Amino acid sequence: MKKILFIASATLLFACGNAEQTTEEVAEVTEEVIVTETMHGEEITSDGAITPAEFLAKFEGKDSLEVKIAANINEVCSKKGCWMVLELGDDKTMRVTFKDYEFFVPKDAAGKLATVQGVAKMDTTDVATLQHYAEDAGESQEVIDAITEPEFNYSFEAVGVIIKEESISTNEK
């Protein structure tokens, strides 16, 4: 009996003494937000730009308004970048063209934030122009042919545009 107890104790001590310790290496991952701004047209700054909600409130009852607004880009002309559509909220948008057709924006700017400076107004867009915009946007002939009524909507002639893009860079240490 003493021998069995001795062997069991020795085995237990031996087993505990040979336990390997494992270490786990933890990598530290950091993310950095990189903001890139591109300027188009006249040099402007983002200072003093108002939100779409502020724009809609200021524009109420006016025919036109000289303003600087920051809003998300919904759509851009896929052929040249010669116009873009800004999201104003409340199912409202505003088509932006560029003064004297002197500059364009990148065709891949949809989804980015734009600051535009210029003159906003309410305008009637005729059927031919609406069909031209639909063609520029790459719509099917069926969609283009379905445009049969002019639209009364917000328009904006920009003298300068800043497009801001944010991207995330991941670093592992």
C-alpha atoms as a PDB file:
ATOM      1  CA  MET A   1       0.000   0.000   0.000  1.00  0.00           C
ATOM      2  CA  LYS A   2       2.839   2.395   0.809  1.00  0.00           C
ATOM      3  CA  LYS A   3       4.425   1.532  -2.529  1.00  0.00           C
ATOM      4  CA  ILE A   4       1.235   2.363  -4.417  1.00  0.00           C
ATOM      5  CA  LEU A   5       0.860   5.649  -2.528  1.00  0.00           C
ATOM      6  CA  PHE A   6       4.532   6.483  -3.204  1.00  0.00           C
ATOM      7  CA  ILE A   7       4.204   5.694  -6.945  1.00  0.00           C
ATOM      8  CA  ALA A   8       0.984   7.733  -7.236  1.00  0.00           C
ATOM      9  CA  SER A   9       2.584  10.720  -5.459  1.00  0.00           C
ATOM     10  CA  ALA A  10       5.709  10.518  -7.589  1.00  0.00           C
ATOM     11  CA  THR A  11       3.652  10.314 -10.769  1.00  0.00           C
ATOM     12  CA  LEU A  12       1.581  13.311  -9.697  1.00  0.00           C
ATOM     13  CA  LEU A  13       4.681  15.380  -8.885  1.00  0.00           C
ATOM     14  CA  PHE A  14       6.336  14.377 -12.127  1.00  0.00           C
ATOM     15  CA  ALA A  15       3.235  15.283 -14.137  1.00  0.00           C
ATOM     16  CA  CYS A  16       2.916  18.694 -12.469  1.00  0.00           C
ATOM     17  CA  GLY A  17       6.578  19.490 -12.836  1.00  0.00           C
ATOM     18  CA  ASN A  18       6.671  18.895 -16.592  1.00  0.00           C
ATOM     19  CA  ALA A  19       3.691  21.072 -17.529  1.00  0.00           C
ATOM     20  CA  GLU A  20       4.623  23.289 -20.430  1.00  0.00           C
ATOM     21  CA  GLN A  21       3.685  26.899 -20.124  1.00  0.00           C
ATOM     22  CA  THR A  22       2.270  28.380 -23.280  1.00  0.00           C
ATOM     23  CA  THR A  23       2.465  32.031 -24.129  1.00  0.00           C
ATOM     24  CA  GLU A  24       0.187  33.692 -26.594  1.00  0.00           C
ATOM     25  CA  GLU A  25       1.487  36.545 -28.669  1.00  0.00           C
ATOM     26  CA  VAL A  26      -1.084  39.274 -29.226  1.00  0.00           C
ATOM     27  CA  ALA A  27      -0.694  41.547 -32.219  1.00  0.00           C
ATOM     28  CA  GLU A  28      -1.739  45.152 -31.806  1.00  0.00           C
ATOM     29  CA  VAL A  29      -3.817  46.462 -34.685  1.00  0.00           C
ATOM     30  CA  THR A  30      -4.348  50.173 -35.159  1.00  0.00           C
ATOM     31  CA  GLU A  31      -6.591  51.917 -37.642  1.00  0.00           C
ATOM     32  CA  GLU A  32      -5.947  55.354 -39.039  1.00  0.00           C
ATOM     33  CA  VAL A  33      -8.526  57.400 -40.926  1.00  0.00           C
ATOM     34  CA  ILE A  34      -7.000  59.109 -43.943  1.00  0.00           C
ATOM     35  CA  VAL A  35      -8.887  62.091 -45.362  1.00  0.00           C
ATOM     36  CA  THR A  36      -8.183  63.096 -48.953  1.00  0.00           C
ATOM     37  CA  GLU A  37      -9.578  66.308 -50.430  1.00  0.00           C
ATOM     38  CA  THR A  38      -9.549  67.245 -54.093  1.00  0.00           C
ATOM     39  CA  MET A  39     -10.323  70.734 -55.376  1.00  0.00           C
ATOM     40  CA  HIS A  40     -12.160  71.442 -58.636  1.00  0.00           C
ATOM     41  CA  GLY A  41     -12.841  74.865 -60.176  1.00  0.00           C
ATOM     42  CA  GLU A  42     -12.081  77.963 -58.126  1.00  0.00           C
ATOM     43  CA  GLU A  43     -10.187  77.470 -54.891  1.00  0.00           C
ATOM     44  CA  ILE A  44     -12.675  77.420 -52.027  1.00  0.00           C
ATOM     45  CA  THR A  45     -12.616  76.241 -48.407  1.00  0.00           C
ATOM     46  CA  SER A  46     -15.087  74.178 -46.386  1.00  0.00           C
ATOM     47  CA  ASP A  47     -15.355  76.991 -43.826  1.00  0.00           C
ATOM     48  CA  GLY A  48     -18.909  78.258 -43.444  1.00  0.00           C
ATOM     49  CA  ALA A  49     -20.535  75.443 -45.424  1.00  0.00           C
ATOM     50  CA  ILE A  50     -24.084  74.719 -44.295  1.00  0.00           C
ATOM     51  CA  THR A  51     -25.907  71.387 -44.064  1.00  0.00           C
ATOM     52  CA  PRO A  52     -28.638  70.338 -46.492  1.00  0.00           C
ATOM     53  CA  ALA A  53     -31.281  70.943 -43.778  1.00  0.00           C
ATOM     54  CA  GLU A  54     -29.968  74.485 -43.205  1.00  0.00           C
ATOM     55  CA  PHE A  55     -29.946  75.043 -46.971  1.00  0.00           C
ATOM     56  CA  LEU A  56     -33.585  73.979 -47.336  1.00  0.00           C
ATOM     57  CA  ALA A  57     -34.601  76.297 -44.474  1.00  0.00           C
ATOM     58  CA  LYS A  58     -32.657  79.292 -45.893  1.00  0.00           C
ATOM     59  CA  PHE A  59     -33.928  78.706 -49.425  1.00  0.00           C
ATOM     60  CA  GLU A  60     -37.599  78.663 -48.365  1.00  0.00           C
ATOM     61  CA  GLY A  61     -39.504  81.365 -50.286  1.00  0.00           C
ATOM     62  CA  LYS A  62     -36.512  82.460 -52.405  1.00  0.00           C
ATOM     63  CA  ASP A  63     -35.861  82.261 -56.136  1.00  0.00           C
ATOM     64  CA  SER A  64     -32.093  81.918 -55.746  1.00  0.00           C
ATOM     65  CA  LEU A  65     -29.451  81.833 -53.032  1.00  0.00           C
ATOM     66  CA  GLU A  66     -25.700  82.317 -53.120  1.00  0.00           C
ATOM     67  CA  VAL A  67     -24.426  79.676 -50.715  1.00  0.00           C
ATOM     68  CA  LYS A  68     -21.800  77.135 -49.722  1.00  0.00           C
ATOM     69  CA  ILE A  69     -23.222  73.712 -48.862  1.00  0.00           C
ATOM     70  CA  ALA A  70     -21.717  70.373 -47.800  1.00  0.00           C
ATOM     71  CA  ALA A  71     -23.708  67.294 -48.859  1.00  0.00           C
ATOM     72  CA  ASN A  72     -23.261  63.713 -50.002  1.00  0.00           C
ATOM     73  CA  ILE A  73     -22.983  63.018 -53.712  1.00  0.00           C
ATOM     74  CA  ASN A  74     -25.673  60.622 -55.010  1.00  0.00           C
ATOM     75  CA  GLU A  75     -24.707  60.477 -58.650  1.00  0.00           C
ATOM     76  CA  VAL A  76     -22.126  61.820 -61.121  1.00  0.00           C
ATOM     77  CA  CYS A  77     -22.174  62.054 -64.915  1.00  0.00           C
ATOM     78  CA  SER A  78     -20.581  58.791 -66.031  1.00  0.00           C
ATOM     79  CA  LYS A  79     -19.309  60.221 -69.316  1.00  0.00           C
ATOM     80  CA  LYS A  80     -17.318  63.309 -68.240  1.00  0.00           C
ATOM     81  CA  GLY A  81     -18.154  64.218 -64.650  1.00  0.00           C
ATOM     82  CA  CYS A  82     -19.875  67.351 -65.976  1.00  0.00           C
ATOM     83  CA  TRP A  83     -22.692  67.272 -63.375  1.00  0.00           C
ATOM     84  CA  MET A  84     -23.510  65.649 -60.064  1.00  0.00           C
ATOM     85  CA  VAL A  85     -26.554  65.195 -57.859  1.00  0.00           C
ATOM     86  CA  LEU A  86     -26.399  66.058 -54.145  1.00  0.00           C
ATOM     87  CA  GLU A  87     -28.601  64.487 -51.457  1.00  0.00           C
ATOM     88  CA  LEU A  88     -30.635  67.092 -49.582  1.00  0.00           C
ATOM     89  CA  GLY A  89     -32.733  64.751 -47.419  1.00  0.00           C
ATOM     90  CA  ASP A  90     -36.524  64.415 -47.295  1.00  0.00           C
ATOM     91  CA  ASP A  91     -36.390  62.692 -50.733  1.00  0.00           C
ATOM     92  CA  LYS A  92     -34.981  65.886 -52.262  1.00  0.00           C
ATOM     93  CA  THR A  93     -31.903  66.180 -54.440  1.00  0.00           C
ATOM     94  CA  MET A  94     -30.144  69.008 -56.253  1.00  0.00           C
ATOM     95  CA  ARG A  95     -28.386  68.777 -59.607  1.00  0.00           C
ATOM     96  CA  VAL A  96     -25.061  70.622 -59.662  1.00  0.00           C
ATOM     97  CA  THR A  97     -23.471  71.910 -62.854  1.00  0.00           C
ATOM     98  CA  PHE A  98     -20.210  73.801 -63.116  1.00  0.00           C
ATOM     99  CA  LYS A  99     -19.878  77.461 -64.067  1.00  0.00           C
ATOM    100  CA  ASP A 100     -19.278  77.960 -67.785  1.00  0.00           C
ATOM    101  CA  TYR A 101     -18.568  74.201 -68.149  1.00  0.00           C
ATOM    102  CA  GLU A 102     -14.989  75.059 -67.090  1.00  0.00           C
ATOM    103  CA  PHE A 103     -14.318  72.082 -64.834  1.00  0.00           C
ATOM    104  CA  PHE A 104     -15.572  68.606 -64.033  1.00  0.00           C
ATOM    105  CA  VAL A 105     -15.494  66.268 -61.029  1.00  0.00           C
ATOM    106  CA  PRO A 106     -14.219  62.668 -60.907  1.00  0.00           C
ATOM    107  CA  LYS A 107     -16.711  60.188 -62.360  1.00  0.00           C
ATOM    108  CA  ASP A 108     -16.260  57.952 -59.288  1.00  0.00           C
ATOM    109  CA  ALA A 109     -17.221  60.668 -56.756  1.00  0.00           C
ATOM    110  CA  ALA A 110     -20.662  59.211 -55.914  1.00  0.00           C
ATOM    111  CA  GLY A 111     -20.907  58.373 -52.209  1.00  0.00           C
ATOM    112  CA  LYS A 112     -18.352  61.006 -51.183  1.00  0.00           C
ATOM    113  CA  LEU A 113     -18.892  64.314 -49.393  1.00  0.00           C
ATOM    114  CA  ALA A 114     -18.839  67.476 -51.500  1.00  0.00           C
ATOM    115  CA  THR A 115     -18.628  71.106 -50.502  1.00  0.00           C
ATOM    116  CA  VAL A 116     -19.950  73.296 -53.302  1.00  0.00           C
ATOM    117  CA  GLN A 117     -19.980  77.070 -53.568  1.00  0.00           C
ATOM    118  CA  GLY A 118     -22.144  78.975 -55.989  1.00  0.00           C
ATOM    119  CA  VAL A 119     -25.766  79.862 -56.704  1.00  0.00           C
ATOM    120  CA  ALA A 120     -28.774  77.642 -56.021  1.00  0.00           C
ATOM    121  CA  LYS A 121     -32.143  78.204 -57.649  1.00  0.00           C
ATOM    122  CA  MET A 122     -35.401  76.522 -58.449  1.00  0.00           C
ATOM    123  CA  ASP A 123     -35.449  75.657 -62.105  1.00  0.00           C
ATOM    124  CA  THR A 124     -37.539  73.831 -64.668  1.00  0.00           C
ATOM    125  CA  THR A 125     -35.560  71.163 -66.482  1.00  0.00           C
ATOM    126  CA  ASP A 126     -37.018  70.389 -69.909  1.00  0.00           C
ATOM    127  CA  VAL A 127     -37.627  66.855 -71.197  1.00  0.00           C
ATOM    128  CA  ALA A 128     -34.696  66.904 -73.644  1.00  0.00           C
ATOM    129  CA  THR A 129     -32.241  67.885 -70.888  1.00  0.00           C
ATOM    130  CA  LEU A 130     -33.646  65.267 -68.501  1.00  0.00           C
ATOM    131  CA  GLN A 131     -33.254  62.635 -71.222  1.00  0.00           C
ATOM    132  CA  HIS A 132     -29.683  63.821 -71.820  1.00  0.00           C
ATOM    133  CA  TYR A 133     -28.924  63.488 -68.084  1.00  0.00           C
ATOM    134  CA  ALA A 134     -30.411  59.973 -68.075  1.00  0.00           C
ATOM    135  CA  GLU A 135     -28.230  59.048 -71.061  1.00  0.00           C
ATOM    136  CA  ASP A 136     -25.135  60.476 -69.317  1.00  0.00           C
ATOM    137  CA  ALA A 137     -26.028  58.415 -66.244  1.00  0.00           C
ATOM    138  CA  GLY A 138     -26.020  55.241 -68.354  1.00  0.00           C
ATOM    139  CA  GLU A 139     -29.771  54.584 -68.162  1.00  0.00           C
ATOM    140  CA  SER A 140     -31.435  52.197 -70.618  1.00  0.00           C
ATOM    141  CA  GLN A 141     -33.253  53.520 -73.677  1.00  0.00           C
ATOM    142  CA  GLU A 142     -36.510  52.380 -72.067  1.00  0.00           C
ATOM    143  CA  VAL A 143     -35.896  54.632 -69.041  1.00  0.00           C
ATOM    144  CA  ILE A 144     -34.859  57.547 -71.280  1.00  0.00           C
ATOM    145  CA  ASP A 145     -37.995  57.199 -73.420  1.00  0.00           C
ATOM    146  CA  ALA A 146     -40.179  57.133 -70.278  1.00  0.00           C
ATOM    147  CA  ILE A 147     -39.165  60.734 -69.474  1.00  0.00           C
ATOM    148  CA  THR A 148     -42.042  62.779 -70.872  1.00  0.00           C
ATOM    149  CA  GLU A 149     -42.589  65.600 -68.361  1.00  0.00           C
ATOM    150  CA  PRO A 150     -40.317  68.509 -67.350  1.00  0.00           C
ATOM    151  CA  GLU A 151     -39.219  68.729 -63.705  1.00  0.00           C
ATOM    152  CA  PHE A 152     -39.285  71.704 -61.357  1.00  0.00           C
ATOM    153  CA  ASN A 153     -36.395  71.161 -58.972  1.00  0.00           C
ATOM    154  CA  TYR A 154     -33.331  72.558 -57.229  1.00  0.00           C
ATOM    155  CA  SER A 155     -30.347  73.368 -59.404  1.00  0.00           C
ATOM    156  CA  PHE A 156     -26.934  74.688 -58.482  1.00  0.00           C
ATOM    157  CA  GLU A 157     -24.199  76.335 -60.526  1.00  0.00           C
ATOM    158  CA  ALA A 158     -20.929  75.788 -58.700  1.00  0.00           C
ATOM    159  CA  VAL A 159     -17.833  77.944 -59.043  1.00  0.00           C
ATOM    160  CA  GLY A 160     -15.787  75.581 -56.883  1.00  0.00           C
ATOM    161  CA  VAL A 161     -16.067  72.089 -55.440  1.00  0.00           C
ATOM    162  CA  ILE A 162     -14.161  70.195 -52.750  1.00  0.00           C
ATOM    163  CA  ILE A 163     -14.609  66.438 -52.673  1.00  0.00           C
ATOM    164  CA  LYS A 164     -13.655  64.720 -49.433  1.00  0.00           C
ATOM    165  CA  GLU A 165     -12.942  61.006 -49.232  1.00  0.00           C
ATOM    166  CA  GLU A 166     -12.194  59.057 -46.066  1.00  0.00           C
ATOM    167  CA  SER A 167     -10.349  55.752 -46.095  1.00  0.00           C
ATOM    168  CA  ILE A 168      -9.075  53.525 -43.289  1.00  0.00           C
ATOM    169  CA  SER A 169      -5.500  52.303 -43.116  1.00  0.00           C
ATOM    170  CA  THR A 170      -4.834  49.293 -40.866  1.00  0.00           C
ATOM    171  CA  ASN A 171      -1.405  48.780 -39.280  1.00  0.00           C
ATOM    172  CA  GLU A 172      -0.433  45.594 -37.420  1.00  0.00           C
ATOM    173  CA  LYS A 173       2.340  45.802 -34.822  1.00  0.00           C
END
